[in-house]
Amino acid sequence: MLTRGVEELQHARARCVAIPGFSTYTLESTRAICDAGTEAALPVILQAGSSSFTGVGRALLARAALTMAEESPSPVGVHLDHSTDLAEISACIQLGYSSVMIDGSHRSFEENVQVTALVVAEAHAKGVWVEAELGAIAGDENVSSAAVAGELTSPEAAAEFVERTGVDALAVAIGSVHGISDHPIHLDLDLLARIARLVSIPLVLHGASGLDTEELRIAVQIGIAKVNFNADLRRAYLGALRDAIEVSEDDVVAAQRAAITAMKQVAYEKLLLLASAGSPTR
């Protein structure tokens, strides 16, 4: 497993590359993400998070992710994404997650500081690294919508937040949204550069599906070290299932294989994109 994930993120930021975090909802998506990491020979983060648990339950999805991560030839982290529940965070730390996210972005600044510091203390005692969020990243994590960017992250507030909480990675709001929006989405790269000058820890970009590739490359070059993808894999998964059903309405195995292949290809392409972000483009 990617047990030293925060060090990997620190190294990624120093090299102007990034590690992707892919949301998983099913055994097929978990398999596809791990296989993509193996084929690319690059570290990857499986995000079996709060919203993902609503379908099959926390225990089943989490244990499948942890088992595949442990058996993978390439480093795989298992991350609890977007949790607001301290009991859920504690449970995932106990299960063996390599990282957790406490999402206090909808709290006041002081409340966010306090709850994040509590999670950091508990997680660090178990060797688990912590991601937090400052600012508002709009949209639905599970369904694409017409979301527009919410409240953006203040560079000065980000610096204070990191100093007071001891958090390991910070998700920043710089214009992206969860899901694929009906409106053109552009990142505020100038704002990101201001945050990166004041905050030395790895920065995280949520809502990367559908973003302009060149903007994403520049964001990684500036300081984004972890990039979250969800909608791109969801669409590949559901599209493959629809195509498979047109061929055969009852061949479950063929549909599973098609879905795994489609998601693996998307994940593989994102892995290579982020790993080459710091290289000159032609």
Protein backbone atom coordinates (compact mmCIF):
# COMPACT_ATOMS: atom_id res chain seq x y z
CA MET A 1 0.00 0.00 0.00
CA LEU A 2 0.94 3.64 -0.39
CA THR A 3 1.62 3.96 3.33
CA ARG A 4 3.97 6.90 2.89
CA GLY A 5 1.53 8.80 0.71
CA VAL A 6 2.18 12.24 2.15
CA GLU A 7 5.88 11.90 1.31
CA GLU A 8 4.90 10.87 -2.22
CA LEU A 9 2.72 13.98 -2.49
CA GLN A 10 5.54 16.18 -1.22
CA HIS A 11 7.90 14.69 -3.78
CA ALA A 12 5.25 15.12 -6.47
CA ARG A 13 4.88 18.82 -5.71
CA ALA A 14 8.66 19.28 -5.76
CA ARG A 15 8.82 17.60 -9.20
CA CYS A 16 5.78 19.50 -10.57
CA VAL A 17 3.78 16.31 -11.07
CA ALA A 18 0.67 15.00 -9.30
CA ILE A 19 -0.91 11.80 -8.04
CA PRO A 20 -4.53 11.15 -9.05
CA GLY A 21 -7.26 10.24 -6.60
CA PHE A 22 -10.04 8.25 -8.29
CA SER A 23 -13.43 7.74 -6.65
CA THR A 24 -14.60 4.14 -6.53
CA TYR A 25 -18.15 2.89 -6.02
CA THR A 26 -17.88 -0.74 -7.09
CA LEU A 27 -15.56 -3.72 -7.30
CA GLU A 28 -15.20 -3.07 -11.03
CA SER A 29 -14.02 0.52 -10.54
CA THR A 30 -11.64 -0.53 -7.77
CA ARG A 31 -10.15 -3.18 -10.04
CA ALA A 32 -9.83 -0.77 -12.95
CA ILE A 33 -8.06 1.92 -10.90
CA CYS A 34 -5.56 -0.53 -9.42
CA ASP A 35 -4.89 -2.10 -12.82
CA ALA A 36 -4.26 1.33 -14.34
CA GLY A 37 -1.70 2.11 -11.65
CA THR A 38 0.02 -1.21 -12.25
CA GLU A 39 0.12 -0.75 -16.03
CA ALA A 40 1.46 2.80 -15.70
CA ALA A 41 3.85 1.77 -12.89
CA LEU A 42 2.74 4.88 -10.98
CA PRO A 43 1.20 5.47 -7.54
CA VAL A 44 -2.54 5.97 -7.42
CA ILE A 45 -5.09 6.77 -4.72
CA LEU A 46 -8.35 4.84 -4.37
CA GLN A 47 -11.01 7.11 -2.93
CA ALA A 48 -13.56 4.93 -1.17
CA GLY A 49 -15.30 7.83 0.49
CA SER A 50 -18.47 8.93 2.20
CA SER A 51 -20.63 9.28 -0.91
CA SER A 52 -19.35 5.97 -2.29
CA PHE A 53 -20.50 4.09 0.80
CA THR A 54 -24.17 4.85 0.20
CA GLY A 55 -24.51 2.16 -2.46
CA VAL A 56 -22.97 -1.01 -1.00
CA GLY A 57 -22.00 0.10 2.50
CA ARG A 58 -18.74 1.13 4.11
CA ALA A 59 -17.45 -2.25 5.27
CA LEU A 60 -17.69 -4.01 1.89
CA LEU A 61 -16.33 -1.19 -0.27
CA ALA A 62 -13.57 -0.27 2.16
CA ARG A 63 -12.35 -3.84 2.63
CA ALA A 64 -12.33 -4.47 -1.12
CA ALA A 65 -10.27 -1.31 -1.65
CA LEU A 66 -7.85 -2.20 1.14
CA THR A 67 -7.43 -5.76 -0.12
CA MET A 68 -6.68 -4.68 -3.69
CA ALA A 69 -4.31 -1.97 -2.48
CA GLU A 70 -2.36 -4.50 -0.42
CA GLU A 71 -2.15 -6.95 -3.33
CA SER A 72 -1.28 -4.38 -6.01
CA PRO A 73 2.24 -4.52 -7.53
CA SER A 74 2.26 -0.68 -7.66
CA PRO A 75 1.66 1.67 -4.70
CA VAL A 76 -2.05 2.26 -4.01
CA GLY A 77 -3.35 4.53 -1.27
CA VAL A 78 -6.84 4.16 0.18
CA HIS A 79 -8.40 7.51 1.02
CA LEU A 80 -11.60 8.55 2.76
CA ASP A 81 -12.86 11.43 0.63
CA HIS A 82 -15.14 14.27 1.77
CA SER A 83 -16.08 13.02 5.22
CA THR A 84 -17.82 15.32 7.66
CA ASP A 85 -18.43 12.56 10.24
CA LEU A 86 -15.77 12.15 12.93
CA ALA A 87 -17.02 8.66 13.77
CA GLU A 88 -16.68 7.61 10.13
CA ILE A 89 -13.17 9.05 9.99
CA SER A 90 -12.19 7.13 13.14
CA ALA A 91 -13.65 3.93 11.70
CA CYS A 92 -11.66 4.26 8.48
CA ILE A 93 -8.47 5.01 10.38
CA GLN A 94 -9.03 1.82 12.35
CA LEU A 95 -9.75 -0.16 9.17
CA GLY A 96 -6.31 0.76 7.85
CA TYR A 97 -6.89 3.66 5.45
CA SER A 98 -3.68 5.41 4.46
CA SER A 99 -5.35 8.84 4.47
CA VAL A 100 -8.58 10.60 5.40
CA MET A 101 -10.21 13.88 4.47
CA ILE A 102 -12.06 15.98 7.00
CA ASP A 103 -14.30 18.32 5.04
CA GLY A 104 -15.03 21.28 7.28
CA SER A 105 -15.45 23.67 4.36
CA HIS A 106 -19.09 24.38 5.22
CA ARG A 107 -18.19 25.33 8.79
CA SER A 108 -16.92 28.69 9.94
CA PHE A 109 -13.16 29.19 9.65
CA GLU A 110 -12.62 28.69 13.40
CA GLU A 111 -14.80 25.57 13.50
CA ASN A 112 -12.96 24.17 10.47
CA VAL A 113 -9.62 24.76 12.22
CA GLN A 114 -10.79 23.07 15.39
CA VAL A 115 -12.30 19.96 13.79
CA THR A 116 -9.37 19.55 11.42
CA ALA A 117 -6.86 19.77 14.27
CA LEU A 118 -8.77 17.04 16.14
CA VAL A 119 -8.65 14.72 13.11
CA VAL A 120 -4.96 15.47 12.51
CA ALA A 121 -4.09 14.50 16.09
CA GLU A 122 -6.00 11.20 15.86
CA ALA A 123 -4.79 10.29 12.39
CA HIS A 124 -1.12 11.14 12.93
CA ALA A 125 -1.09 8.92 16.01
CA LYS A 126 -1.90 6.02 13.65
CA GLY A 127 0.45 7.06 10.86
CA VAL A 128 -2.41 8.30 8.65
CA TRP A 129 -2.12 11.56 6.70
CA VAL A 130 -4.93 14.11 6.52
CA GLU A 131 -6.45 16.26 3.79
CA ALA A 132 -8.70 19.21 4.60
CA GLU A 133 -10.60 21.75 2.52
CA LEU A 134 -10.82 25.52 2.65
CA GLY A 135 -13.24 27.34 0.37
CA ALA A 136 -16.35 25.97 -1.31
CA ILE A 137 -16.12 23.49 -4.20
CA ALA A 138 -19.61 23.48 -5.67
CA GLY A 139 -21.51 20.65 -7.35
CA ASP A 140 -22.58 17.11 -6.55
CA GLU A 141 -19.84 14.53 -6.04
CA ASN A 142 -22.00 11.78 -7.54
CA VAL A 143 -23.92 13.44 -10.40
CA SER A 144 -22.82 16.06 -12.95
CA SER A 145 -24.84 19.26 -12.86
CA ALA A 146 -24.89 22.89 -13.92
CA ALA A 147 -22.78 23.91 -10.93
CA VAL A 148 -20.71 27.10 -10.95
CA ALA A 149 -17.71 27.86 -8.77
CA GLY A 150 -18.37 28.66 -5.12
CA GLU A 151 -16.39 30.72 -2.60
CA LEU A 152 -12.71 30.71 -3.54
CA THR A 153 -9.87 30.03 -1.11
CA SER A 154 -8.13 33.01 0.47
CA PRO A 155 -4.32 32.60 0.32
CA GLU A 156 -3.86 34.29 3.69
CA ALA A 157 -6.55 32.17 5.32
CA ALA A 158 -4.99 29.04 3.80
CA ALA A 159 -1.60 29.85 5.30
CA GLU A 160 -3.12 30.42 8.74
CA PHE A 161 -5.24 27.28 8.46
CA VAL A 162 -2.27 25.06 7.62
CA GLU A 163 -0.13 26.52 10.41
CA ARG A 164 -2.83 26.10 13.06
CA THR A 165 -4.02 22.60 12.09
CA GLY A 166 -0.85 20.78 11.03
CA VAL A 167 -2.82 19.25 8.13
CA ASP A 168 -0.81 17.37 5.48
CA ALA A 169 -2.62 18.39 2.27
CA LEU A 170 -5.11 21.14 1.49
CA ALA A 171 -7.92 21.06 -1.06
CA VAL A 172 -8.33 24.56 -2.47
CA ALA A 173 -11.25 26.18 -4.27
CA ILE A 174 -9.88 27.88 -7.39
CA GLY A 175 -12.84 27.60 -9.75
CA SER A 176 -13.40 23.88 -10.31
CA VAL A 177 -16.68 22.10 -9.51
CA HIS A 178 -17.66 18.56 -8.69
CA GLY A 179 -18.97 16.71 -11.71
CA ILE A 180 -18.93 17.93 -15.32
CA SER A 181 -20.72 21.26 -15.57
CA ASP A 182 -22.90 22.52 -18.40
CA HIS A 183 -20.91 25.76 -18.23
CA PRO A 184 -17.24 26.23 -19.21
CA ILE A 185 -15.06 25.86 -16.12
CA HIS A 186 -11.75 27.68 -15.81
CA LEU A 187 -9.25 27.64 -12.98
CA ASP A 188 -8.05 30.83 -11.32
CA LEU A 189 -4.37 30.07 -11.83
CA ASP A 190 -3.26 33.44 -10.48
CA LEU A 191 -5.07 32.69 -7.22
CA LEU A 192 -3.47 29.25 -7.11
CA ALA A 193 -0.03 30.79 -7.53
CA ARG A 194 -0.70 33.16 -4.62
CA ILE A 195 -1.80 30.24 -2.43
CA ALA A 196 1.23 28.18 -3.45
CA ARG A 197 3.59 30.99 -2.45
CA LEU A 198 2.15 31.03 1.08
CA VAL A 199 1.40 27.33 1.59
CA SER A 200 4.22 24.80 1.32
CA ILE A 201 2.24 21.58 1.82
CA PRO A 202 0.79 19.62 -1.14
CA LEU A 203 -2.31 21.26 -2.62
CA VAL A 204 -5.29 19.26 -3.89
CA LEU A 205 -7.61 19.97 -6.81
CA HIS A 206 -11.13 18.55 -6.60
CA GLY A 207 -13.47 18.37 -9.57
CA ALA A 208 -10.88 17.80 -12.29
CA SER A 209 -13.12 15.83 -14.66
CA GLY A 210 -13.80 17.80 -17.82
CA LEU A 211 -11.16 20.45 -17.17
CA ASP A 212 -9.00 21.83 -19.95
CA THR A 213 -5.87 19.69 -20.14
CA GLU A 214 -3.47 22.63 -20.43
CA GLU A 215 -5.02 24.40 -17.44
CA LEU A 216 -4.67 21.22 -15.44
CA ARG A 217 -0.99 20.90 -16.43
CA ILE A 218 -0.30 24.47 -15.35
CA ALA A 219 -2.10 23.94 -12.03
CA VAL A 220 0.15 20.95 -11.31
CA GLN A 221 3.24 22.94 -12.26
CA ILE A 222 2.18 25.67 -9.81
CA GLY A 223 1.67 23.39 -6.82
CA ILE A 224 -1.25 20.94 -7.15
CA ALA A 225 0.09 17.54 -6.06
CA LYS A 226 -3.14 15.52 -5.88
CA VAL A 227 -5.95 15.69 -8.43
CA ASN A 228 -9.37 14.14 -7.86
CA PHE A 229 -11.34 12.51 -10.67
CA ASN A 230 -14.81 11.03 -10.45
CA ALA A 231 -17.21 11.97 -13.26
CA ASP A 232 -14.87 10.85 -16.07
CA LEU A 233 -14.72 7.34 -14.62
CA ARG A 234 -18.46 7.28 -13.88
CA ARG A 235 -19.26 8.13 -17.48
CA ALA A 236 -16.85 5.52 -18.82
CA TYR A 237 -18.39 2.93 -16.51
CA LEU A 238 -22.01 3.63 -17.39
CA GLY A 239 -21.26 4.05 -21.10
CA ALA A 240 -19.55 0.66 -21.22
CA LEU A 241 -22.49 -0.96 -19.46
CA ARG A 242 -24.97 0.56 -21.92
CA ASP A 243 -22.92 -0.66 -24.88
CA ALA A 244 -22.58 -4.14 -23.38
CA ILE A 245 -26.33 -4.41 -22.77
CA GLU A 246 -27.00 -3.61 -26.43
CA VAL A 247 -24.92 -6.68 -27.35
CA SER A 248 -26.38 -8.95 -24.71
CA GLU A 249 -29.03 -8.18 -22.11
CA ASP A 250 -27.92 -10.86 -19.66
CA ASP A 251 -24.13 -11.36 -20.02
CA VAL A 252 -23.01 -9.90 -16.69
CA VAL A 253 -19.38 -10.99 -17.03
CA ALA A 254 -19.01 -9.33 -20.43
CA ALA A 255 -20.52 -6.12 -19.04
CA GLN A 256 -18.15 -6.20 -16.06
CA ARG A 257 -15.12 -6.71 -18.27
CA ALA A 258 -16.18 -3.91 -20.60
CA ALA A 259 -16.68 -1.53 -17.68
CA ILE A 260 -13.29 -2.39 -16.17
CA THR A 261 -11.55 -1.89 -19.52
CA ALA A 262 -13.21 1.48 -20.13
CA MET A 263 -12.44 2.84 -16.66
CA LYS A 264 -8.90 1.50 -16.71
CA GLN A 265 -8.21 3.37 -19.95
CA VAL A 266 -9.49 6.66 -18.52
CA ALA A 267 -7.51 6.21 -15.30
CA TYR A 268 -4.37 5.25 -17.23
CA GLU A 269 -4.58 8.39 -19.39
CA LYS A 270 -5.02 10.60 -16.31
CA LEU A 271 -2.05 8.94 -14.61
CA LEU A 272 0.20 9.64 -17.56
CA LEU A 273 -1.08 13.20 -17.90
CA LEU A 274 -0.31 14.07 -14.30
CA ALA A 275 3.03 12.26 -14.31
CA SER A 276 4.17 14.31 -17.31
CA ALA A 277 2.72 17.67 -16.21
CA GLY A 278 6.14 19.07 -15.38
CA SER A 279 7.64 18.13 -18.74
CA PRO A 280 7.77 20.69 -21.56
CA THR A 281 4.93 20.34 -24.08
CA ARG A 282 5.50 20.51 -27.81
